[in-house]
Amino acid sequence: MGRWCSRSPARQALRARPKHPCHPPHHTTVRNRLGRVATGLEKSRRASGDPVEAAPKGGLTVFLDGAHIRCRPEYQQRHLDLVVGKIESRNMCRRFGLVANATASPGSRMREELSDFGWKQGRLLTVISDGELALPNLIRNAIGGDGQVKHILDWWHISMRIRHVEAAVQGLVQIPGFTGIPVLFQRPAKSLRWWLWHGRARIAETYLKGLMHDSTRLAEEPLAVRTAAARVQARCETLYTYLANNMESLVDYGRRYRNGLPISSSRAEGSVDDIANARMGKRRRMRWSPKGAHRVAVTRAAVLDGRLTVANRKRAA
């Protein structure tokens, strides 16, 4: 029953579950059973001191992303922050999901997830996420001083901001009233991606400053040119601020890609679709309490990983 309720609302789970000769339970009973399943999963994780069957070799990589889900009005907040992601090693992976408001110590809950996967004190943890500081800080708080955390800024988010700069520059040089030299704008914009891909963030920042300076020199041009130049400057400032705030998380993405190492948090974004959007997405028009959303996320991750199987059938009943 816990598996069915993790996929669809309680009333739909009653209609979709296999028919049983006994009287069908009420949807509130189904929801309560889901809560017991999630609580049982967390208690078994805390009580389990046995090592995993095949301990993961090498460092672990944690892919993190966040999702906003609608909150019930009595909690006096519009959205709940749901943290989802995936822990991967060379030959193993594990999904997880948690709501920070539903637990007194999100770091301890995250530490339990890492320890249950096989993480040991002193092992390197590589965290890949976007520019949201709360995501890597969650891992840092989880391990405290017992290990090293290396945060890598997701390449996809960098690439999209570079594309915005390229599109703004292209729109500027194509305006009929533009009297500047197109190559002075096009060449720096096309070079940004190459420099950042090879880990030369300081050089990319120099090109961004040059683009912003050249855009301010078009203040005497016609209105259409000034508007396009202001758009270029705004896009450059957005990228510049994004890079400056995450300078320590920029790496040589080309080298990591050639070595077969991940450079994107796409695995975490896939977990957002599987855990959050599939059950708690905006299209479902449902509102959630922190505890209810947390229980659904925990059970949903266990179902997707195959951890809620025959061995846990008593707990899932």
Protein backbone atom coordinates (compact mmCIF):
# COMPACT_ATOMS: atom_id res chain seq x y z
CA MET A 1 0.00 0.00 0.00
CA GLY A 2 2.89 2.34 0.74
CA ARG A 3 4.19 1.88 -2.79
CA TRP A 4 0.82 2.77 -4.33
CA CYS A 5 0.38 5.85 -2.15
CA SER A 6 3.87 7.08 -3.03
CA ARG A 7 2.87 7.18 -6.70
CA SER A 8 -0.58 8.79 -6.50
CA PRO A 9 -2.97 10.43 -4.00
CA ALA A 10 -4.57 8.20 -1.39
CA ARG A 11 -7.99 8.12 -3.05
CA GLN A 12 -6.47 7.18 -6.42
CA ALA A 13 -4.26 4.58 -4.74
CA LEU A 14 -7.37 2.86 -3.41
CA ARG A 15 -8.80 2.62 -6.92
CA ALA A 16 -5.52 1.53 -8.52
CA ARG A 17 -4.40 -1.07 -5.99
CA PRO A 18 -5.17 -4.77 -6.63
CA LYS A 19 -8.62 -5.79 -5.43
CA HIS A 20 -8.77 -7.46 -2.04
CA PRO A 21 -11.70 -9.49 -0.70
CA CYS A 22 -11.68 -7.47 2.54
CA HIS A 23 -13.47 -4.17 2.90
CA PRO A 24 -11.42 -1.43 1.22
CA PRO A 25 -9.72 0.93 3.72
CA HIS A 26 -10.44 4.64 3.99
CA HIS A 27 -8.10 7.06 2.23
CA THR A 28 -7.02 8.43 5.64
CA THR A 29 -5.92 4.94 6.60
CA VAL A 30 -3.86 4.71 3.42
CA ARG A 31 -2.20 8.03 4.19
CA ASN A 32 -1.41 6.91 7.75
CA ARG A 33 0.11 3.71 6.40
CA LEU A 34 2.36 5.75 4.15
CA GLY A 35 3.54 7.66 7.22
CA ARG A 36 4.34 4.41 9.02
CA VAL A 37 6.28 3.18 6.00
CA ALA A 38 8.41 6.35 5.91
CA THR A 39 8.97 6.24 9.67
CA GLY A 40 9.96 2.59 9.46
CA LEU A 41 12.44 3.30 6.69
CA GLU A 42 14.14 6.02 8.74
CA LYS A 43 14.21 3.98 11.94
CA SER A 44 15.70 0.98 10.18
CA ARG A 45 18.38 3.23 8.70
CA ARG A 46 19.34 4.58 12.13
CA ALA A 47 19.33 1.13 13.74
CA SER A 48 21.27 -0.59 10.98
CA GLY A 49 24.92 -0.91 11.92
CA ASP A 50 25.75 -3.53 9.31
CA PRO A 51 28.04 -2.48 6.46
CA VAL A 52 26.68 -2.42 2.95
CA GLU A 53 27.10 -5.58 0.92
CA ALA A 54 29.56 -4.01 -1.51
CA ALA A 55 31.20 -0.91 -0.08
CA PRO A 56 31.58 1.76 -2.77
CA LYS A 57 35.14 2.36 -3.88
CA GLY A 58 36.73 5.76 -4.33
CA GLY A 59 35.05 9.04 -3.52
CA LEU A 60 31.33 9.66 -3.53
CA THR A 61 29.52 12.20 -5.69
CA VAL A 62 26.37 13.88 -4.42
CA PHE A 63 24.07 15.54 -6.95
CA LEU A 64 21.74 18.07 -5.33
CA ASP A 65 18.77 20.08 -6.49
CA GLY A 66 15.77 21.71 -4.88
CA ALA A 67 12.07 21.91 -5.60
CA HIS A 68 9.30 24.17 -4.35
CA ILE A 69 5.99 22.57 -3.49
CA ARG A 70 2.81 24.25 -2.28
CA CYS A 71 2.43 24.46 1.48
CA ARG A 72 -0.82 24.20 3.42
CA PRO A 73 -2.12 27.63 4.52
CA GLU A 74 -2.02 26.95 8.26
CA TYR A 75 1.79 26.85 8.15
CA GLN A 76 1.84 30.51 7.01
CA GLN A 77 4.27 30.01 4.16
CA ARG A 78 3.67 29.71 0.46
CA HIS A 79 6.14 26.97 -0.46
CA LEU A 80 8.14 24.19 1.11
CA ASP A 81 11.75 23.59 0.11
CA LEU A 82 12.25 19.97 -0.87
CA VAL A 83 15.86 18.82 -1.28
CA VAL A 84 16.29 15.86 -3.61
CA GLY A 85 19.30 14.27 -5.17
CA LYS A 86 21.35 11.21 -5.83
CA ILE A 87 24.46 9.72 -4.22
CA GLU A 88 26.71 7.89 -6.65
CA SER A 89 29.92 5.92 -6.55
CA ARG A 90 31.67 3.99 -9.27
CA ASN A 91 29.15 1.15 -9.29
CA MET A 92 26.29 2.16 -6.97
CA CYS A 93 23.68 4.89 -6.68
CA ARG A 94 20.97 5.93 -4.26
CA ARG A 95 18.21 8.56 -4.38
CA PHE A 96 17.06 10.61 -1.43
CA GLY A 97 14.60 13.36 -0.58
CA LEU A 98 13.95 15.43 2.52
CA VAL A 99 12.12 18.55 3.70
CA ALA A 100 14.26 20.68 6.00
CA ASN A 101 11.24 22.02 7.91
CA ALA A 102 10.13 18.50 8.83
CA THR A 103 13.20 17.66 10.89
CA ALA A 104 15.05 19.39 13.70
CA SER A 105 18.43 18.58 12.16
CA PRO A 106 18.54 18.29 8.35
CA GLY A 107 22.32 17.76 8.54
CA SER A 108 21.91 14.70 10.76
CA ARG A 109 19.28 13.31 8.40
CA MET A 110 21.64 13.80 5.46
CA ARG A 111 24.48 12.18 7.37
CA GLU A 112 22.31 9.12 7.90
CA GLU A 113 21.70 8.91 4.16
CA LEU A 114 25.44 9.10 3.44
CA SER A 115 26.37 6.58 6.14
CA ASP A 116 23.72 4.15 4.98
CA PHE A 117 25.21 4.30 1.48
CA GLY A 118 28.67 3.45 2.82
CA TRP A 119 30.33 6.79 3.49
CA LYS A 120 33.09 6.69 6.09
CA GLN A 121 34.78 9.49 7.96
CA GLY A 122 37.65 11.04 6.03
CA ARG A 123 36.35 10.14 2.58
CA LEU A 124 36.07 12.81 -0.10
CA LEU A 125 32.60 14.00 -1.06
CA THR A 126 32.13 15.79 -4.37
CA VAL A 127 28.96 17.88 -4.47
CA ILE A 128 27.55 19.11 -7.79
CA SER A 129 24.73 21.66 -7.66
CA ASP A 130 23.71 25.07 -8.92
CA GLY A 131 24.60 28.37 -7.25
CA GLU A 132 22.24 27.89 -4.29
CA LEU A 133 24.53 28.03 -1.23
CA ALA A 134 22.14 26.09 1.01
CA LEU A 135 22.63 22.86 -0.99
CA PRO A 136 26.39 22.33 -0.53
CA ASN A 137 26.15 23.75 3.01
CA LEU A 138 23.72 20.93 3.82
CA ILE A 139 26.44 18.39 3.03
CA ARG A 140 29.08 20.38 4.91
CA ASN A 141 26.88 20.49 8.00
CA ALA A 142 26.15 16.78 7.63
CA ILE A 143 29.76 15.63 7.79
CA GLY A 144 31.06 18.45 10.02
CA GLY A 145 34.82 18.12 10.22
CA ASP A 146 34.85 14.39 9.51
CA GLY A 147 35.59 14.69 5.80
CA GLN A 148 36.38 16.90 2.86
CA VAL A 149 33.70 18.43 0.64
CA LYS A 150 34.51 19.64 -2.86
CA HIS A 151 31.73 21.67 -4.44
CA ILE A 152 31.51 21.95 -8.24
CA LEU A 153 29.22 24.45 -9.91
CA ASP A 154 26.89 22.81 -12.40
CA TRP A 155 28.07 23.44 -15.97
CA TRP A 156 24.54 23.57 -17.41
CA HIS A 157 23.64 26.65 -15.38
CA ILE A 158 26.86 28.37 -16.49
CA SER A 159 26.23 27.47 -20.13
CA MET A 160 22.70 28.87 -20.08
CA ARG A 161 23.89 32.21 -18.73
CA ILE A 162 26.60 32.34 -21.40
CA ARG A 163 23.93 31.67 -24.02
CA HIS A 164 21.95 34.64 -22.74
CA VAL A 165 25.00 36.87 -23.21
CA GLU A 166 25.59 35.52 -26.73
CA ALA A 167 21.97 36.09 -27.71
CA ALA A 168 22.00 39.65 -26.36
CA VAL A 169 25.20 40.48 -28.26
CA GLN A 170 23.83 38.99 -31.45
CA GLY A 171 20.69 41.07 -31.10
CA LEU A 172 22.76 44.22 -30.58
CA VAL A 173 24.99 43.89 -33.65
CA GLN A 174 22.02 43.05 -35.91
CA ILE A 175 20.18 46.32 -35.21
CA PRO A 176 20.18 48.52 -38.35
CA GLY A 177 21.26 51.61 -36.40
CA PHE A 178 24.29 49.94 -34.81
CA THR A 179 27.45 51.87 -35.79
CA GLY A 180 30.04 50.03 -33.70
CA ILE A 181 32.43 47.29 -34.71
CA PRO A 182 30.59 43.95 -34.41
CA VAL A 183 33.74 41.90 -33.83
CA LEU A 184 34.50 43.85 -30.63
CA PHE A 185 31.31 42.42 -29.14
CA GLN A 186 31.06 39.04 -30.88
CA ARG A 187 34.57 37.77 -30.24
CA PRO A 188 34.52 38.21 -26.42
CA ALA A 189 31.03 36.70 -26.21
CA LYS A 190 32.12 33.62 -28.18
CA SER A 191 35.29 33.24 -26.08
CA LEU A 192 33.49 33.12 -22.73
CA ARG A 193 32.39 29.51 -23.12
CA TRP A 194 35.89 28.32 -24.09
CA TRP A 195 37.63 30.03 -21.18
CA LEU A 196 35.14 28.79 -18.60
CA TRP A 197 35.13 25.27 -20.04
CA HIS A 198 38.89 25.13 -19.48
CA GLY A 199 38.74 26.60 -15.98
CA ARG A 200 40.05 30.09 -16.85
CA ALA A 201 37.44 32.01 -14.88
CA ARG A 202 39.62 35.08 -14.31
CA ILE A 203 40.14 35.58 -18.03
CA ALA A 204 36.40 35.16 -18.62
CA GLU A 205 35.72 37.86 -16.04
CA THR A 206 38.09 40.20 -17.92
CA TYR A 207 36.13 39.64 -21.14
CA LEU A 208 32.88 40.33 -19.29
CA LYS A 209 34.22 43.61 -17.94
CA GLY A 210 35.26 44.57 -21.47
CA LEU A 211 31.78 43.84 -22.81
CA MET A 212 30.15 45.89 -20.07
CA HIS A 213 32.54 48.79 -20.71
CA ASP A 214 31.90 48.74 -24.47
CA SER A 215 28.15 48.66 -23.85
CA THR A 216 28.30 51.84 -21.77
CA ARG A 217 30.04 53.63 -24.65
CA LEU A 218 26.88 53.36 -26.75
CA ALA A 219 24.99 55.89 -24.63
CA GLU A 220 24.75 58.38 -27.54
CA GLU A 221 23.33 55.89 -30.04
CA PRO A 222 19.64 55.69 -31.08
CA LEU A 223 17.07 54.34 -28.63
CA ALA A 224 16.98 50.82 -30.10
CA VAL A 225 20.76 50.52 -29.86
CA ARG A 226 20.82 51.84 -26.30
CA THR A 227 18.12 49.39 -25.28
CA ALA A 228 20.00 46.45 -26.79
CA ALA A 229 23.28 47.64 -25.21
CA ALA A 230 21.58 47.85 -21.81
CA ARG A 231 20.36 44.28 -22.29
CA VAL A 232 23.92 43.12 -23.04
CA GLN A 233 25.22 44.89 -19.96
CA ALA A 234 22.52 43.38 -17.74
CA ARG A 235 23.23 39.85 -18.99
CA CYS A 236 26.97 40.35 -18.48
CA GLU A 237 26.43 41.64 -14.96
CA THR A 238 24.26 38.62 -14.13
CA LEU A 239 26.93 36.20 -15.35
CA TYR A 240 29.71 38.17 -13.67
CA THR A 241 27.92 38.11 -10.30
CA TYR A 242 27.14 34.41 -10.67
CA LEU A 243 30.79 33.57 -11.33
CA ALA A 244 32.11 35.86 -8.60
CA ASN A 245 29.84 34.28 -5.98
CA ASN A 246 30.93 30.76 -6.98
CA MET A 247 34.58 31.32 -7.88
CA GLU A 248 35.82 28.56 -5.58
CA SER A 249 33.43 26.06 -7.20
CA LEU A 250 34.69 26.55 -10.77
CA VAL A 251 36.93 23.78 -12.12
CA ASP A 252 38.43 22.63 -15.39
CA TYR A 253 35.24 21.16 -16.85
CA GLY A 254 36.96 19.99 -20.03
CA ARG A 255 39.44 17.85 -18.11
CA ARG A 256 36.70 16.31 -15.95
CA TYR A 257 34.63 15.56 -19.06
CA ARG A 258 37.55 13.88 -20.82
CA ASN A 259 38.23 11.77 -17.72
CA GLY A 260 34.63 10.58 -17.62
CA LEU A 261 33.73 12.54 -14.47
CA PRO A 262 30.35 14.26 -14.06
CA ILE A 263 30.11 18.02 -14.59
CA SER A 264 26.34 18.52 -14.39
CA SER A 265 23.62 18.06 -11.79
CA SER A 266 21.26 16.54 -14.36
CA ARG A 267 20.99 13.40 -12.24
CA ALA A 268 19.56 15.47 -9.40
CA GLU A 269 17.16 17.22 -11.77
CA GLY A 270 15.96 13.81 -12.89
CA SER A 271 15.36 12.96 -9.24
CA VAL A 272 13.25 16.12 -8.95
CA ASP A 273 11.01 14.78 -11.71
CA ASP A 274 10.84 11.29 -10.21
CA ILE A 275 10.35 12.23 -6.56
CA ALA A 276 8.82 15.72 -6.41
CA ASN A 277 7.03 16.47 -9.66
CA ALA A 278 5.60 12.98 -10.15
CA ARG A 279 3.76 13.13 -6.83
CA MET A 280 3.81 16.72 -5.55
CA GLY A 281 4.05 18.79 -8.73
CA LYS A 282 2.11 22.01 -9.29
CA ARG A 283 -0.21 20.37 -11.80
CA ARG A 284 -1.69 18.19 -9.08
CA ARG A 285 -2.99 21.30 -7.25
CA MET A 286 -2.30 19.81 -3.83
CA ARG A 287 -0.95 21.51 -0.72
CA TRP A 288 1.37 19.75 1.71
CA SER A 289 2.43 19.85 5.31
CA PRO A 290 6.20 19.59 5.93
CA LYS A 291 5.86 16.18 7.58
CA GLY A 292 3.58 14.81 4.84
CA ALA A 293 5.84 16.00 2.03
CA HIS A 294 8.88 14.56 3.79
CA ARG A 295 7.24 11.16 4.22
CA VAL A 296 6.21 10.99 0.58
CA ALA A 297 9.74 11.96 -0.54
CA VAL A 298 11.37 9.30 1.66
CA THR A 299 8.99 6.56 0.50
CA ARG A 300 9.15 7.62 -3.14
CA ALA A 301 12.96 7.47 -3.14
CA ALA A 302 12.89 4.02 -1.55
CA VAL A 303 10.42 2.76 -4.17
CA LEU A 304 12.50 4.08 -7.06
CA ASP A 305 15.67 2.48 -5.67
CA GLY A 306 13.96 -0.86 -5.07
CA ARG A 307 14.53 -0.67 -1.31
CA LEU A 308 10.84 -1.19 -0.58
CA THR A 309 10.75 -4.81 -1.71
CA VAL A 310 9.63 -8.18 -0.35
CA ALA A 311 12.10 -7.95 2.53
CA ASN A 312 10.23 -4.87 3.76
CA ARG A 313 6.72 -6.12 2.98
CA LYS A 314 5.62 -6.15 6.62
CA ARG A 315 6.72 -2.57 6.99
CA ALA A 316 4.98 -1.56 3.75
CA ALA A 317 1.68 -3.24 4.58
